[in-house]
Amino acid sequence: MPKQPSASDMRPVLIGDALAFSRALMQVAPDKRGATCQTWLFQADAADKYRKRFARLHPDWGNGSLMAHATAHCPDALTSHSLDHAEFCSALAEVLTALQAWRSFKKSCAEQSRSPKSF
């Protein structure tokens, strides 16, 4: 049976989110993309928590979806690029790598919070 999302989980990331996030990331210098992607993931997660707690959008970061966050940074993030576009592929790889690291980080945090504390 699939794990039910907890209140601390970020919204599900759909392929459209990853594609829009990649297109927005293309506007960032290649050497800054990794750090920017991590920052945007933390902001999207914070926006989602804000939305859940206050039942309204975060004033700066939207509804917590990666697509909303991407379009806030780059209004044409929904514009299509093909996988023949090298810069887009590079940005998409960066996003997928950051998402994998984000999930590992969140899993590690969850495991630490469940483990007994020793003093």
C-alpha atoms as a PDB file:
ATOM      1  CA  MET A   1       0.000   0.000   0.000  1.00  0.00           C
ATOM      2  CA  PRO A   2       1.469   3.435  -0.921  1.00  0.00           C
ATOM      3  CA  LYS A   3       2.493   5.753   1.861  1.00  0.00           C
ATOM      4  CA  GLN A   4      -0.055   8.458   2.568  1.00  0.00           C
ATOM      5  CA  PRO A   5       1.482  11.948   2.459  1.00  0.00           C
ATOM      6  CA  SER A   6       1.932  13.515   5.863  1.00  0.00           C
ATOM      7  CA  ALA A   7       1.317  17.164   6.682  1.00  0.00           C
ATOM      8  CA  SER A   8       5.068  17.773   6.406  1.00  0.00           C
ATOM      9  CA  ASP A   9       5.362  16.448   2.831  1.00  0.00           C
ATOM     10  CA  MET A  10       5.747  18.861  -0.051  1.00  0.00           C
ATOM     11  CA  ARG A  11       3.057  18.741  -2.702  1.00  0.00           C
ATOM     12  CA  PRO A  12       3.480  15.943  -5.237  1.00  0.00           C
ATOM     13  CA  VAL A  13       5.877  16.879  -8.018  1.00  0.00           C
ATOM     14  CA  LEU A  14       4.376  16.165 -11.423  1.00  0.00           C
ATOM     15  CA  ILE A  15       6.284  16.074 -14.710  1.00  0.00           C
ATOM     16  CA  GLY A  16       4.824  19.465 -15.678  1.00  0.00           C
ATOM     17  CA  ASP A  17       6.246  20.915 -12.466  1.00  0.00           C
ATOM     18  CA  ALA A  18       9.713  19.593 -13.262  1.00  0.00           C
ATOM     19  CA  LEU A  19       9.546  20.880 -16.837  1.00  0.00           C
ATOM     20  CA  ALA A  20       8.380  24.374 -15.819  1.00  0.00           C
ATOM     21  CA  PHE A  21      10.959  24.469 -13.012  1.00  0.00           C
ATOM     22  CA  SER A  22      13.651  23.553 -15.556  1.00  0.00           C
ATOM     23  CA  ARG A  23      12.566  26.297 -17.924  1.00  0.00           C
ATOM     24  CA  ALA A  24      12.680  28.873 -15.119  1.00  0.00           C
ATOM     25  CA  LEU A  25      16.091  27.580 -14.057  1.00  0.00           C
ATOM     26  CA  MET A  26      17.395  28.247 -17.563  1.00  0.00           C
ATOM     27  CA  GLN A  27      17.221  31.964 -16.672  1.00  0.00           C
ATOM     28  CA  VAL A  28      19.867  31.406 -13.968  1.00  0.00           C
ATOM     29  CA  ALA A  29      23.598  31.276 -14.700  1.00  0.00           C
ATOM     30  CA  PRO A  30      24.715  27.631 -15.008  1.00  0.00           C
ATOM     31  CA  ASP A  31      27.136  27.885 -12.068  1.00  0.00           C
ATOM     32  CA  LYS A  32      24.318  29.144  -9.799  1.00  0.00           C
ATOM     33  CA  ARG A  33      21.642  26.619 -10.784  1.00  0.00           C
ATOM     34  CA  GLY A  34      22.340  24.019  -8.110  1.00  0.00           C
ATOM     35  CA  ALA A  35      22.080  26.473  -5.234  1.00  0.00           C
ATOM     36  CA  THR A  36      19.117  28.260  -6.817  1.00  0.00           C
ATOM     37  CA  CYS A  37      17.267  24.998  -7.333  1.00  0.00           C
ATOM     38  CA  GLN A  38      17.771  24.042  -3.670  1.00  0.00           C
ATOM     39  CA  THR A  39      16.587  27.467  -2.543  1.00  0.00           C
ATOM     40  CA  TRP A  40      13.486  27.258  -4.731  1.00  0.00           C
ATOM     41  CA  LEU A  41      12.681  23.776  -3.391  1.00  0.00           C
ATOM     42  CA  PHE A  42      12.882  25.029   0.199  1.00  0.00           C
ATOM     43  CA  GLN A  43      10.712  28.026  -0.715  1.00  0.00           C
ATOM     44  CA  ALA A  44       8.119  25.853  -2.448  1.00  0.00           C
ATOM     45  CA  ASP A  45       8.011  23.541   0.565  1.00  0.00           C
ATOM     46  CA  ALA A  46       7.632  26.524   2.912  1.00  0.00           C
ATOM     47  CA  ALA A  47       4.851  27.932   0.702  1.00  0.00           C
ATOM     48  CA  ASP A  48       3.016  24.616   0.827  1.00  0.00           C
ATOM     49  CA  LYS A  49       3.271  24.499   4.619  1.00  0.00           C
ATOM     50  CA  TYR A  50       2.026  28.099   4.768  1.00  0.00           C
ATOM     51  CA  ARG A  51      -0.921  27.215   2.503  1.00  0.00           C
ATOM     52  CA  LYS A  52      -1.833  24.242   4.683  1.00  0.00           C
ATOM     53  CA  ARG A  53      -1.583  26.219   7.906  1.00  0.00           C
ATOM     54  CA  PHE A  54      -3.272  29.476   6.885  1.00  0.00           C
ATOM     55  CA  ALA A  55      -5.537  28.245   4.044  1.00  0.00           C
ATOM     56  CA  ARG A  56      -4.213  30.891   1.663  1.00  0.00           C
ATOM     57  CA  LEU A  57      -1.323  31.369  -0.732  1.00  0.00           C
ATOM     58  CA  HIS A  58       2.079  32.415   0.519  1.00  0.00           C
ATOM     59  CA  PRO A  59       2.447  36.099  -0.424  1.00  0.00           C
ATOM     60  CA  ASP A  60       5.793  35.596  -2.188  1.00  0.00           C
ATOM     61  CA  TRP A  61       6.017  31.901  -3.072  1.00  0.00           C
ATOM     62  CA  GLY A  62       2.505  30.925  -4.104  1.00  0.00           C
ATOM     63  CA  ASN A  63       0.677  27.672  -3.458  1.00  0.00           C
ATOM     64  CA  GLY A  64       3.689  25.423  -2.897  1.00  0.00           C
ATOM     65  CA  SER A  65       3.722  23.755  -6.294  1.00  0.00           C
ATOM     66  CA  LEU A  66       6.944  23.854  -8.279  1.00  0.00           C
ATOM     67  CA  MET A  67       5.026  25.071 -11.325  1.00  0.00           C
ATOM     68  CA  ALA A  68       3.627  28.075  -9.432  1.00  0.00           C
ATOM     69  CA  HIS A  69       7.076  28.850  -8.084  1.00  0.00           C
ATOM     70  CA  ALA A  70       8.619  28.536 -11.538  1.00  0.00           C
ATOM     71  CA  THR A  71       6.096  30.823 -13.206  1.00  0.00           C
ATOM     72  CA  ALA A  72       6.599  33.412 -10.457  1.00  0.00           C
ATOM     73  CA  HIS A  73      10.304  33.526 -11.364  1.00  0.00           C
ATOM     74  CA  CYS A  74       9.845  33.170 -15.102  1.00  0.00           C
ATOM     75  CA  PRO A  75       6.464  34.014 -16.631  1.00  0.00           C
ATOM     76  CA  ASP A  76       7.288  32.028 -19.778  1.00  0.00           C
ATOM     77  CA  ALA A  77       8.195  28.889 -17.790  1.00  0.00           C
ATOM     78  CA  LEU A  78       5.272  27.122 -19.436  1.00  0.00           C
ATOM     79  CA  THR A  79       6.767  27.707 -22.893  1.00  0.00           C
ATOM     80  CA  SER A  80       7.766  24.447 -24.483  1.00  0.00           C
ATOM     81  CA  HIS A  81      11.332  23.344 -25.131  1.00  0.00           C
ATOM     82  CA  SER A  82      12.231  20.053 -26.716  1.00  0.00           C
ATOM     83  CA  LEU A  83      14.811  17.643 -25.420  1.00  0.00           C
ATOM     84  CA  ASP A  84      16.904  18.628 -28.451  1.00  0.00           C
ATOM     85  CA  HIS A  85      17.634  21.898 -26.612  1.00  0.00           C
ATOM     86  CA  ALA A  86      20.930  21.289 -24.751  1.00  0.00           C
ATOM     87  CA  GLU A  87      20.453  24.077 -22.218  1.00  0.00           C
ATOM     88  CA  PHE A  88      16.995  22.772 -21.325  1.00  0.00           C
ATOM     89  CA  CYS A  89      18.356  19.238 -20.864  1.00  0.00           C
ATOM     90  CA  SER A  90      21.065  20.580 -18.572  1.00  0.00           C
ATOM     91  CA  ALA A  91      18.519  22.485 -16.483  1.00  0.00           C
ATOM     92  CA  LEU A  92      16.187  19.472 -16.346  1.00  0.00           C
ATOM     93  CA  ALA A  93      19.057  17.258 -15.151  1.00  0.00           C
ATOM     94  CA  GLU A  94      19.809  19.838 -12.454  1.00  0.00           C
ATOM     95  CA  VAL A  95      16.176  19.825 -11.318  1.00  0.00           C
ATOM     96  CA  LEU A  96      15.971  16.023 -11.198  1.00  0.00           C
ATOM     97  CA  THR A  97      19.238  15.818  -9.255  1.00  0.00           C
ATOM     98  CA  ALA A  98      18.023  18.462  -6.797  1.00  0.00           C
ATOM     99  CA  LEU A  99      14.688  16.671  -6.344  1.00  0.00           C
ATOM    100  CA  GLN A 100      16.478  13.421  -5.594  1.00  0.00           C
ATOM    101  CA  ALA A 101      18.719  15.168  -3.050  1.00  0.00           C
ATOM    102  CA  TRP A 102      15.675  16.937  -1.561  1.00  0.00           C
ATOM    103  CA  ARG A 103      13.813  13.651  -1.077  1.00  0.00           C
ATOM    104  CA  SER A 104      16.895  12.070   0.548  1.00  0.00           C
ATOM    105  CA  PHE A 105      17.266  15.071   2.850  1.00  0.00           C
ATOM    106  CA  LYS A 106      13.598  14.978   3.882  1.00  0.00           C
ATOM    107  CA  LYS A 107      13.767  11.209   4.468  1.00  0.00           C
ATOM    108  CA  SER A 108      16.874  11.643   6.609  1.00  0.00           C
ATOM    109  CA  CYS A 109      15.179  14.386   8.655  1.00  0.00           C
ATOM    110  CA  ALA A 110      12.102  12.223   9.169  1.00  0.00           C
ATOM    111  CA  GLU A 111      14.192   9.263  10.295  1.00  0.00           C
ATOM    112  CA  GLN A 112      16.148  11.417  12.741  1.00  0.00           C
ATOM    113  CA  SER A 113      12.956  12.823  14.239  1.00  0.00           C
ATOM    114  CA  ARG A 114      11.662   9.271  14.833  1.00  0.00           C
ATOM    115  CA  SER A 115      14.830   7.924  16.405  1.00  0.00           C
ATOM    116  CA  PRO A 116      15.079   7.928  20.210  1.00  0.00           C
ATOM    117  CA  LYS A 117      17.143  10.758  21.621  1.00  0.00           C
ATOM    118  CA  SER A 118      20.060   9.832  23.846  1.00  0.00           C
ATOM    119  CA  PHE A 119      21.485  12.328  26.269  1.00  0.00           C
END
